[in-house]
Amino acid sequence: MPLIPRPRFLADLHLPPLAQPPLCLRYIMWALAATLCPDLAGYADIFYQRTRQYLQNDEMTVRKQRKKRHGANETVGALIIYERGPRSMLDLSRVVRN
């Protein structure tokens, strides 16, 4: 069972910029896709690092505006799949808390 429905995600990429999925979610999806393709395997870590960077910036913005974003929770859910380690348990607790 996919975490994020592929047709819906691809359709959302064609929406106006403010309605598109957040950058952190796009980068983690690209990182997960890069792990499946041998030609792009070298890019997976780059996409992962950018995901972390954009997620941190997104969380800081959300704290200032005092609102929650569904896209950030989806991103952390995908990070749990990508990481599969002790850090993923910390991310899991953050998703459950939000």
Protein backbone atom coordinates (compact mmCIF):
# COMPACT_ATOMS: atom_id res chain seq x y z
CA MET A 1 0.00 0.00 0.00
CA PRO A 2 1.61 3.28 -1.05
CA LEU A 3 2.09 6.04 1.45
CA ILE A 4 1.07 8.75 -0.99
CA PRO A 5 -1.14 7.93 -4.01
CA ARG A 6 0.99 8.36 -7.12
CA PRO A 7 -1.72 9.75 -9.46
CA ARG A 8 -2.77 12.33 -6.89
CA PHE A 9 0.84 13.39 -6.20
CA LEU A 10 1.63 13.76 -9.91
CA ALA A 11 -1.58 15.70 -10.51
CA ASP A 12 -0.74 18.07 -7.65
CA LEU A 13 2.58 18.91 -9.30
CA HIS A 14 0.64 20.60 -12.12
CA LEU A 15 -1.28 22.91 -9.77
CA PRO A 16 -0.34 26.57 -9.20
CA PRO A 17 2.85 26.98 -7.11
CA LEU A 18 1.09 27.72 -3.82
CA ALA A 19 -1.12 24.63 -4.17
CA GLN A 20 1.70 22.21 -5.04
CA PRO A 21 3.13 19.78 -2.48
CA PRO A 22 5.86 21.32 -0.31
CA LEU A 23 9.45 21.04 -1.49
CA CYS A 24 10.38 18.73 1.37
CA LEU A 25 7.75 16.23 0.22
CA ARG A 26 8.87 16.44 -3.40
CA TYR A 27 12.51 15.83 -2.47
CA ILE A 28 11.79 12.78 -0.30
CA MET A 29 9.69 11.29 -3.09
CA TRP A 30 12.61 11.83 -5.46
CA ALA A 31 14.98 10.25 -2.91
CA LEU A 32 12.76 7.19 -2.61
CA ALA A 33 12.51 6.93 -6.40
CA ALA A 34 16.30 7.28 -6.73
CA THR A 35 16.83 4.31 -4.41
CA LEU A 36 14.80 2.14 -6.81
CA CYS A 37 16.67 3.19 -9.96
CA PRO A 38 20.33 2.07 -10.21
CA ASP A 39 21.19 4.95 -12.55
CA LEU A 40 20.01 7.54 -10.01
CA ALA A 41 21.19 5.83 -6.80
CA GLY A 42 23.92 8.43 -6.31
CA TYR A 43 21.32 11.19 -6.05
CA ALA A 44 19.34 9.59 -3.22
CA ASP A 45 21.54 11.02 -0.46
CA ILE A 46 21.53 14.48 -2.05
CA PHE A 47 17.74 14.46 -2.20
CA TYR A 48 17.59 13.18 1.38
CA GLN A 49 19.82 16.00 2.66
CA ARG A 50 17.73 18.58 0.84
CA THR A 51 14.59 17.02 2.28
CA ARG A 52 15.96 17.47 5.79
CA GLN A 53 16.93 21.07 5.03
CA TYR A 54 13.54 22.03 3.58
CA LEU A 55 11.68 20.17 6.33
CA GLN A 56 13.59 22.07 9.00
CA ASN A 57 12.85 25.39 7.26
CA ASP A 58 9.20 24.41 6.88
CA GLU A 59 8.89 23.52 10.56
CA MET A 60 10.40 26.85 11.60
CA THR A 61 7.93 28.69 9.39
CA VAL A 62 5.04 26.68 10.80
CA ARG A 63 6.09 27.46 14.37
CA LYS A 64 6.17 31.19 13.60
CA GLN A 65 2.75 31.09 11.97
CA ARG A 66 1.31 28.69 14.58
CA LYS A 67 -0.29 26.40 12.02
CA LYS A 68 0.27 22.78 11.03
CA ARG A 69 0.95 21.52 7.54
CA HIS A 70 -0.21 18.14 6.36
CA GLY A 71 2.60 17.96 3.80
CA ALA A 72 5.25 18.07 6.51
CA ASN A 73 3.69 15.07 8.25
CA GLU A 74 3.57 13.17 4.95
CA THR A 75 7.24 14.02 4.44
CA VAL A 76 8.23 12.70 7.83
CA GLY A 77 6.24 9.52 7.12
CA ALA A 78 8.24 9.02 3.94
CA LEU A 79 11.47 9.79 5.83
CA ILE A 80 10.68 6.91 8.18
CA ILE A 81 10.58 4.57 5.18
CA TYR A 82 13.85 5.98 3.79
CA GLU A 83 15.86 5.97 7.03
CA ARG A 84 14.83 2.73 8.79
CA GLY A 85 16.96 3.33 11.85
CA PRO A 86 16.99 4.90 15.32
CA ARG A 87 16.40 8.35 13.89
CA SER A 88 13.24 7.12 12.20
CA MET A 89 11.76 6.29 15.61
CA LEU A 90 12.22 9.92 16.65
CA ASP A 91 10.52 11.01 13.45
CA LEU A 92 7.69 8.58 14.08
CA SER A 93 7.05 10.09 17.51
CA ARG A 94 6.98 13.54 15.95
CA VAL A 95 4.33 12.47 13.41
CA VAL A 96 2.19 10.85 16.09
CA ARG A 97 2.47 13.93 18.30
CA ASN A 98 1.28 16.23 15.49
